[in-house]
Amino acid sequence: MVGRYLDRRELGFLAAAAAAAALFAVLAWQDAAPLRPPEGEAAAVRAESSLLEAAQVDLNTAGLDALCTLPGVGEKRARAILADRAANGPYAQVEDVTRVSGITQNTIRDWARLAYVSGLGPEGE
């Protein structure tokens, strides 16, 4: 019945197109990204912790731009932190930043795991 509607050349073309489509499907399946990381959950945890480490701000060494990445800190407040640090020396703990006008304990809580002071480590230990 197919022979009635398609000649030999058209059947050959359709067969070649079907073979090419099957080949492309096989190649795409082989090169597809895996559905989950090869190392399992541990790789995702490491990636998350390395992103967190990259986002952390050392209050004793950070410049204006780095301080502005903290929640609740704009350019004006960042300049106030820099001025306080220059006038009073480095911070011994993150909570010392509350000396700056506009920085409250709630602000410090918002900075959890983002801000630290050098010498004490990122976790404030």
N, C-alpha and C. Protein backbone atom coordinates (compact mmCIF):
# COMPACT_ATOMS: atom_id res chain seq x y z
N MET A 1 0.81 -1.18 0.00
CA MET A 1 0.00 0.00 0.00
C MET A 1 0.86 1.26 0.00
N VAL A 2 1.98 1.22 0.73
CA VAL A 2 2.86 2.37 0.75
C VAL A 2 3.46 2.57 -0.64
N GLY A 3 3.72 1.52 -1.33
CA GLY A 3 4.28 1.60 -2.67
C GLY A 3 3.40 2.39 -3.63
N ARG A 4 2.14 2.44 -3.42
CA ARG A 4 1.24 3.19 -4.27
C ARG A 4 1.46 4.69 -4.16
N TYR A 5 1.75 5.17 -2.96
CA TYR A 5 1.85 6.61 -2.73
C TYR A 5 3.28 7.15 -2.78
N LEU A 6 4.25 6.31 -2.51
CA LEU A 6 5.65 6.74 -2.49
C LEU A 6 6.46 5.94 -3.50
N ASP A 7 7.32 6.61 -4.22
CA ASP A 7 8.19 5.86 -5.13
C ASP A 7 9.43 5.40 -4.36
N ARG A 8 10.30 4.73 -5.05
CA ARG A 8 11.47 4.12 -4.44
C ARG A 8 12.41 5.17 -3.83
N ARG A 9 12.62 6.29 -4.47
CA ARG A 9 13.49 7.35 -4.00
C ARG A 9 12.97 7.96 -2.69
N GLU A 10 11.67 8.17 -2.62
CA GLU A 10 11.07 8.74 -1.41
C GLU A 10 11.15 7.76 -0.24
N LEU A 11 10.96 6.46 -0.50
CA LEU A 11 11.10 5.46 0.55
C LEU A 11 12.54 5.42 1.07
N GLY A 12 13.52 5.53 0.17
CA GLY A 12 14.93 5.55 0.57
C GLY A 12 15.24 6.77 1.43
N PHE A 13 14.68 7.92 1.03
CA PHE A 13 14.89 9.14 1.81
C PHE A 13 14.29 9.00 3.21
N LEU A 14 13.08 8.47 3.32
CA LEU A 14 12.44 8.28 4.62
C LEU A 14 13.23 7.29 5.49
N ALA A 15 13.76 6.25 4.91
CA ALA A 15 14.56 5.28 5.67
C ALA A 15 15.84 5.94 6.19
N ALA A 16 16.50 6.75 5.33
CA ALA A 16 17.72 7.44 5.75
C ALA A 16 17.41 8.46 6.84
N ALA A 17 16.31 9.18 6.74
CA ALA A 17 15.93 10.16 7.75
C ALA A 17 15.64 9.47 9.09
N ALA A 18 14.96 8.33 9.05
CA ALA A 18 14.67 7.60 10.28
C ALA A 18 15.96 7.09 10.93
N ALA A 19 16.90 6.61 10.12
CA ALA A 19 18.17 6.14 10.65
C ALA A 19 18.96 7.29 11.27
N ALA A 20 18.96 8.46 10.60
CA ALA A 20 19.66 9.63 11.14
C ALA A 20 19.02 10.07 12.45
N ALA A 21 17.71 10.07 12.53
CA ALA A 21 17.02 10.47 13.76
C ALA A 21 17.36 9.51 14.90
N ALA A 22 17.41 8.23 14.61
CA ALA A 22 17.77 7.24 15.63
C ALA A 22 19.21 7.44 16.09
N LEU A 23 20.11 7.73 15.17
CA LEU A 23 21.51 7.98 15.51
C LEU A 23 21.64 9.22 16.41
N PHE A 24 20.95 10.29 16.07
CA PHE A 24 20.99 11.51 16.87
C PHE A 24 20.43 11.26 18.27
N ALA A 25 19.37 10.47 18.36
CA ALA A 25 18.78 10.17 19.67
C ALA A 25 19.77 9.39 20.53
N VAL A 26 20.46 8.41 19.95
CA VAL A 26 21.44 7.62 20.69
C VAL A 26 22.59 8.51 21.14
N LEU A 27 23.10 9.36 20.26
CA LEU A 27 24.21 10.24 20.62
C LEU A 27 23.79 11.24 21.71
N ALA A 28 22.61 11.77 21.62
CA ALA A 28 22.13 12.71 22.64
C ALA A 28 21.98 12.01 23.98
N TRP A 29 21.50 10.79 23.98
CA TRP A 29 21.32 10.05 25.22
C TRP A 29 22.67 9.77 25.88
N GLN A 30 23.69 9.44 25.08
CA GLN A 30 25.01 9.13 25.62
C GLN A 30 25.69 10.37 26.19
N ASP A 31 25.48 11.53 25.57
CA ASP A 31 26.15 12.76 26.00
C ASP A 31 25.33 13.57 27.00
N ALA A 32 24.18 13.07 27.40
CA ALA A 32 23.32 13.82 28.32
C ALA A 32 23.98 13.89 29.70
N ALA A 33 23.72 14.97 30.41
CA ALA A 33 24.24 15.13 31.77
C ALA A 33 23.57 14.12 32.69
N PRO A 34 24.30 13.65 33.69
CA PRO A 34 23.68 12.70 34.62
C PRO A 34 22.57 13.37 35.42
N LEU A 35 21.62 12.58 35.85
CA LEU A 35 20.49 13.12 36.59
C LEU A 35 20.86 13.54 38.00
N ARG A 36 21.90 12.98 38.56
CA ARG A 36 22.37 13.37 39.89
C ARG A 36 23.89 13.40 39.87
N PRO A 37 24.49 14.15 40.77
CA PRO A 37 25.95 14.25 40.80
C PRO A 37 26.57 12.87 41.00
N PRO A 38 27.71 12.62 40.37
CA PRO A 38 28.31 11.31 40.47
C PRO A 38 28.75 10.95 41.89
N GLU A 39 29.05 11.95 42.72
CA GLU A 39 29.52 11.66 44.07
C GLU A 39 28.39 11.68 45.10
N GLY A 40 27.18 11.88 44.65
CA GLY A 40 26.04 11.85 45.54
C GLY A 40 25.86 13.14 46.31
N GLU A 41 25.29 13.02 47.50
CA GLU A 41 24.95 14.19 48.31
C GLU A 41 26.18 14.93 48.78
N ALA A 42 27.28 14.26 48.98
CA ALA A 42 28.50 14.89 49.49
C ALA A 42 28.98 15.99 48.54
N ALA A 43 28.87 15.78 47.25
CA ALA A 43 29.30 16.79 46.28
C ALA A 43 28.44 18.04 46.38
N ALA A 44 27.14 17.86 46.56
CA ALA A 44 26.25 19.02 46.68
C ALA A 44 26.54 19.80 47.95
N VAL A 45 26.83 19.12 49.03
CA VAL A 45 27.16 19.80 50.29
C VAL A 45 28.46 20.57 50.15
N ARG A 46 29.46 19.97 49.50
CA ARG A 46 30.74 20.67 49.29
C ARG A 46 30.55 21.90 48.42
N ALA A 47 29.74 21.80 47.37
CA ALA A 47 29.50 22.94 46.50
C ALA A 47 28.80 24.06 47.27
N GLU A 48 27.83 23.71 48.09
CA GLU A 48 27.11 24.72 48.88
C GLU A 48 28.05 25.39 49.88
N SER A 49 28.90 24.61 50.54
CA SER A 49 29.80 25.20 51.53
C SER A 49 30.86 26.07 50.86
N SER A 50 31.32 25.70 49.67
CA SER A 50 32.30 26.54 49.00
C SER A 50 31.68 27.86 48.52
N LEU A 51 30.39 27.84 48.14
CA LEU A 51 29.71 29.08 47.80
C LEU A 51 29.56 29.96 49.02
N LEU A 52 29.24 29.35 50.15
CA LEU A 52 29.09 30.10 51.39
C LEU A 52 30.41 30.74 51.79
N GLU A 53 31.50 29.97 51.67
CA GLU A 53 32.81 30.51 52.01
C GLU A 53 33.17 31.69 51.11
N ALA A 54 32.81 31.63 49.85
CA ALA A 54 33.12 32.71 48.93
C ALA A 54 32.32 33.97 49.25
N ALA A 55 31.15 33.81 49.88
CA ALA A 55 30.29 34.95 50.20
C ALA A 55 30.60 35.55 51.55
N GLN A 56 31.44 34.92 52.35
CA GLN A 56 31.73 35.42 53.69
C GLN A 56 32.57 36.69 53.64
N VAL A 57 32.33 37.56 54.62
CA VAL A 57 33.00 38.86 54.68
C VAL A 57 33.75 38.96 56.00
N ASP A 58 35.04 39.23 55.92
CA ASP A 58 35.85 39.48 57.11
C ASP A 58 35.71 40.94 57.47
N LEU A 59 35.09 41.22 58.60
CA LEU A 59 34.82 42.60 58.99
C LEU A 59 36.09 43.40 59.27
N ASN A 60 37.22 42.72 59.52
CA ASN A 60 38.47 43.43 59.80
C ASN A 60 39.27 43.78 58.56
N THR A 61 38.95 43.17 57.43
CA THR A 61 39.73 43.44 56.22
C THR A 61 38.88 43.86 55.02
N ALA A 62 37.56 43.73 55.14
CA ALA A 62 36.67 43.99 54.00
C ALA A 62 36.68 45.47 53.62
N GLY A 63 36.59 45.70 52.33
CA GLY A 63 36.47 47.05 51.81
C GLY A 63 35.01 47.44 51.65
N LEU A 64 34.81 48.58 51.05
CA LEU A 64 33.46 49.12 50.89
C LEU A 64 32.55 48.17 50.12
N ASP A 65 33.02 47.67 48.99
CA ASP A 65 32.18 46.78 48.16
C ASP A 65 31.81 45.50 48.88
N ALA A 66 32.76 44.89 49.58
CA ALA A 66 32.47 43.65 50.29
C ALA A 66 31.48 43.88 51.42
N LEU A 67 31.62 44.97 52.15
CA LEU A 67 30.69 45.26 53.23
C LEU A 67 29.27 45.49 52.70
N CYS A 68 29.17 46.07 51.53
CA CYS A 68 27.85 46.33 50.93
C CYS A 68 27.11 45.06 50.54
N THR A 69 27.79 43.91 50.51
CA THR A 69 27.12 42.65 50.19
C THR A 69 26.36 42.09 51.39
N LEU A 70 26.63 42.60 52.58
CA LEU A 70 25.93 42.12 53.77
C LEU A 70 24.51 42.67 53.82
N PRO A 71 23.56 41.88 54.31
CA PRO A 71 22.18 42.35 54.42
C PRO A 71 22.09 43.58 55.32
N GLY A 72 21.38 44.58 54.87
CA GLY A 72 21.15 45.78 55.66
C GLY A 72 22.29 46.79 55.62
N VAL A 73 23.29 46.55 54.78
CA VAL A 73 24.42 47.46 54.70
C VAL A 73 24.49 48.07 53.30
N GLY A 74 24.30 49.38 53.26
CA GLY A 74 24.47 50.11 52.02
C GLY A 74 25.79 50.86 52.07
N GLU A 75 25.99 51.73 51.12
CA GLU A 75 27.26 52.44 51.05
C GLU A 75 27.49 53.31 52.28
N LYS A 76 26.46 54.00 52.75
CA LYS A 76 26.60 54.89 53.91
C LYS A 76 26.98 54.10 55.16
N ARG A 77 26.31 53.00 55.40
CA ARG A 77 26.61 52.20 56.59
C ARG A 77 27.97 51.52 56.46
N ALA A 78 28.33 51.10 55.24
CA ALA A 78 29.64 50.50 55.03
C ALA A 78 30.75 51.51 55.32
N ARG A 79 30.56 52.74 54.89
CA ARG A 79 31.55 53.78 55.20
C ARG A 79 31.64 54.02 56.70
N ALA A 80 30.52 53.94 57.41
CA ALA A 80 30.53 54.10 58.86
C ALA A 80 31.30 52.96 59.53
N ILE A 81 31.16 51.74 59.02
CA ILE A 81 31.91 50.60 59.56
C ILE A 81 33.40 50.81 59.33
N LEU A 82 33.76 51.25 58.13
CA LEU A 82 35.18 51.50 57.83
C LEU A 82 35.74 52.59 58.73
N ALA A 83 34.97 53.64 58.96
CA ALA A 83 35.43 54.74 59.83
C ALA A 83 35.59 54.25 61.27
N ASP A 84 34.64 53.45 61.76
CA ASP A 84 34.73 52.91 63.11
C ASP A 84 35.95 52.00 63.25
N ARG A 85 36.18 51.18 62.26
CA ARG A 85 37.33 50.26 62.30
C ARG A 85 38.64 51.04 62.30
N ALA A 86 38.69 52.13 61.52
CA ALA A 86 39.90 52.95 61.48
C ALA A 86 40.12 53.68 62.81
N ALA A 87 39.04 54.11 63.44
CA ALA A 87 39.14 54.87 64.69
C ALA A 87 39.40 53.97 65.90
N ASN A 88 38.79 52.78 65.93
CA ASN A 88 38.85 51.94 67.13
C ASN A 88 39.66 50.66 66.95
N GLY A 89 40.20 50.43 65.79
CA GLY A 89 40.97 49.21 65.54
C GLY A 89 40.10 48.05 65.12
N PRO A 90 40.72 46.90 64.91
CA PRO A 90 39.97 45.73 64.41
C PRO A 90 38.96 45.23 65.44
N TYR A 91 37.96 44.56 64.93
CA TYR A 91 36.91 44.00 65.77
C TYR A 91 37.39 42.68 66.37
N ALA A 92 37.06 42.46 67.63
CA ALA A 92 37.40 41.21 68.30
C ALA A 92 36.33 40.15 68.02
N GLN A 93 35.10 40.59 67.83
CA GLN A 93 34.00 39.68 67.52
C GLN A 93 32.99 40.43 66.65
N VAL A 94 32.17 39.69 65.97
CA VAL A 94 31.20 40.29 65.04
C VAL A 94 30.29 41.28 65.77
N GLU A 95 29.92 40.95 66.99
CA GLU A 95 29.00 41.81 67.75
C GLU A 95 29.57 43.19 68.02
N ASP A 96 30.88 43.37 67.94
CA ASP A 96 31.49 44.68 68.17
C ASP A 96 31.05 45.71 67.14
N VAL A 97 30.55 45.28 66.02
CA VAL A 97 30.12 46.20 64.97
C VAL A 97 28.89 46.98 65.40
N THR A 98 28.22 46.54 66.46
CA THR A 98 27.05 47.28 66.94
C THR A 98 27.43 48.66 67.47
N ARG A 99 28.73 48.94 67.59
CA ARG A 99 29.18 50.30 67.94
C ARG A 99 28.78 51.29 66.85
N VAL A 100 28.61 50.80 65.65
CA VAL A 100 28.27 51.66 64.51
C VAL A 100 26.78 51.97 64.55
N SER A 101 26.44 53.22 64.39
CA SER A 101 25.05 53.64 64.42
C SER A 101 24.26 52.92 63.31
N GLY A 102 23.14 52.34 63.69
CA GLY A 102 22.28 51.65 62.72
C GLY A 102 22.51 50.16 62.64
N ILE A 103 23.59 49.66 63.25
CA ILE A 103 23.84 48.22 63.28
C ILE A 103 23.34 47.70 64.62
N THR A 104 22.35 46.82 64.57
CA THR A 104 21.75 46.28 65.79
C THR A 104 22.03 44.78 65.90
N GLN A 105 21.60 44.20 67.00
CA GLN A 105 21.74 42.74 67.16
C GLN A 105 20.94 42.00 66.09
N ASN A 106 19.81 42.58 65.68
CA ASN A 106 19.03 41.96 64.60
C ASN A 106 19.82 41.95 63.30
N THR A 107 20.54 43.02 63.03
CA THR A 107 21.39 43.07 61.84
C THR A 107 22.45 41.99 61.91
N ILE A 108 23.07 41.86 63.07
CA ILE A 108 24.11 40.83 63.27
C ILE A 108 23.51 39.44 63.04
N ARG A 109 22.30 39.20 63.52
CA ARG A 109 21.65 37.90 63.28
C ARG A 109 21.42 37.66 61.79
N ASP A 110 21.10 38.73 61.06
CA ASP A 110 20.91 38.59 59.61
C ASP A 110 22.22 38.21 58.91
N TRP A 111 23.34 38.54 59.53
CA TRP A 111 24.64 38.24 58.94
C TRP A 111 25.13 36.83 59.28
N ALA A 112 24.33 36.04 59.95
CA ALA A 112 24.75 34.70 60.38
C ALA A 112 25.42 33.95 59.23
N ARG A 113 26.60 33.44 59.51
CA ARG A 113 27.41 32.66 58.56
C ARG A 113 27.91 33.49 57.37
N LEU A 114 27.66 34.79 57.36
CA LEU A 114 28.17 35.64 56.27
C LEU A 114 29.32 36.51 56.73
N ALA A 115 29.28 36.97 57.97
CA ALA A 115 30.31 37.87 58.47
C ALA A 115 31.11 37.20 59.58
N TYR A 116 32.40 37.49 59.60
CA TYR A 116 33.28 37.00 60.66
C TYR A 116 34.41 37.99 60.84
N VAL A 117 35.17 37.81 61.89
CA VAL A 117 36.35 38.65 62.10
C VAL A 117 37.58 37.78 62.00
N SER A 118 38.61 38.29 61.35
CA SER A 118 39.82 37.49 61.15
C SER A 118 40.45 37.16 62.50
N GLY A 119 41.06 36.01 62.54
CA GLY A 119 41.67 35.54 63.77
C GLY A 119 40.77 34.59 64.53
N LEU A 120 39.46 34.70 64.32
CA LEU A 120 38.53 33.82 65.01
C LEU A 120 37.95 32.75 64.10
N GLY A 121 38.16 32.89 62.80
CA GLY A 121 37.63 31.92 61.85
C GLY A 121 36.23 32.28 61.42
N PRO A 122 35.77 31.70 60.32
CA PRO A 122 34.47 32.02 59.76
C PRO A 122 33.28 31.73 60.65
N GLU A 123 33.41 30.78 61.56
CA GLU A 123 32.27 30.43 62.40
C GLU A 123 32.27 31.21 63.71
N GLY A 124 33.26 32.08 63.92
CA GLY A 124 33.33 32.86 65.15
C GLY A 124 33.77 32.03 66.34
N GLU A 125 34.53 30.95 66.09
CA GLU A 125 34.97 30.05 67.18
C GLU A 125 36.14 30.66 67.91
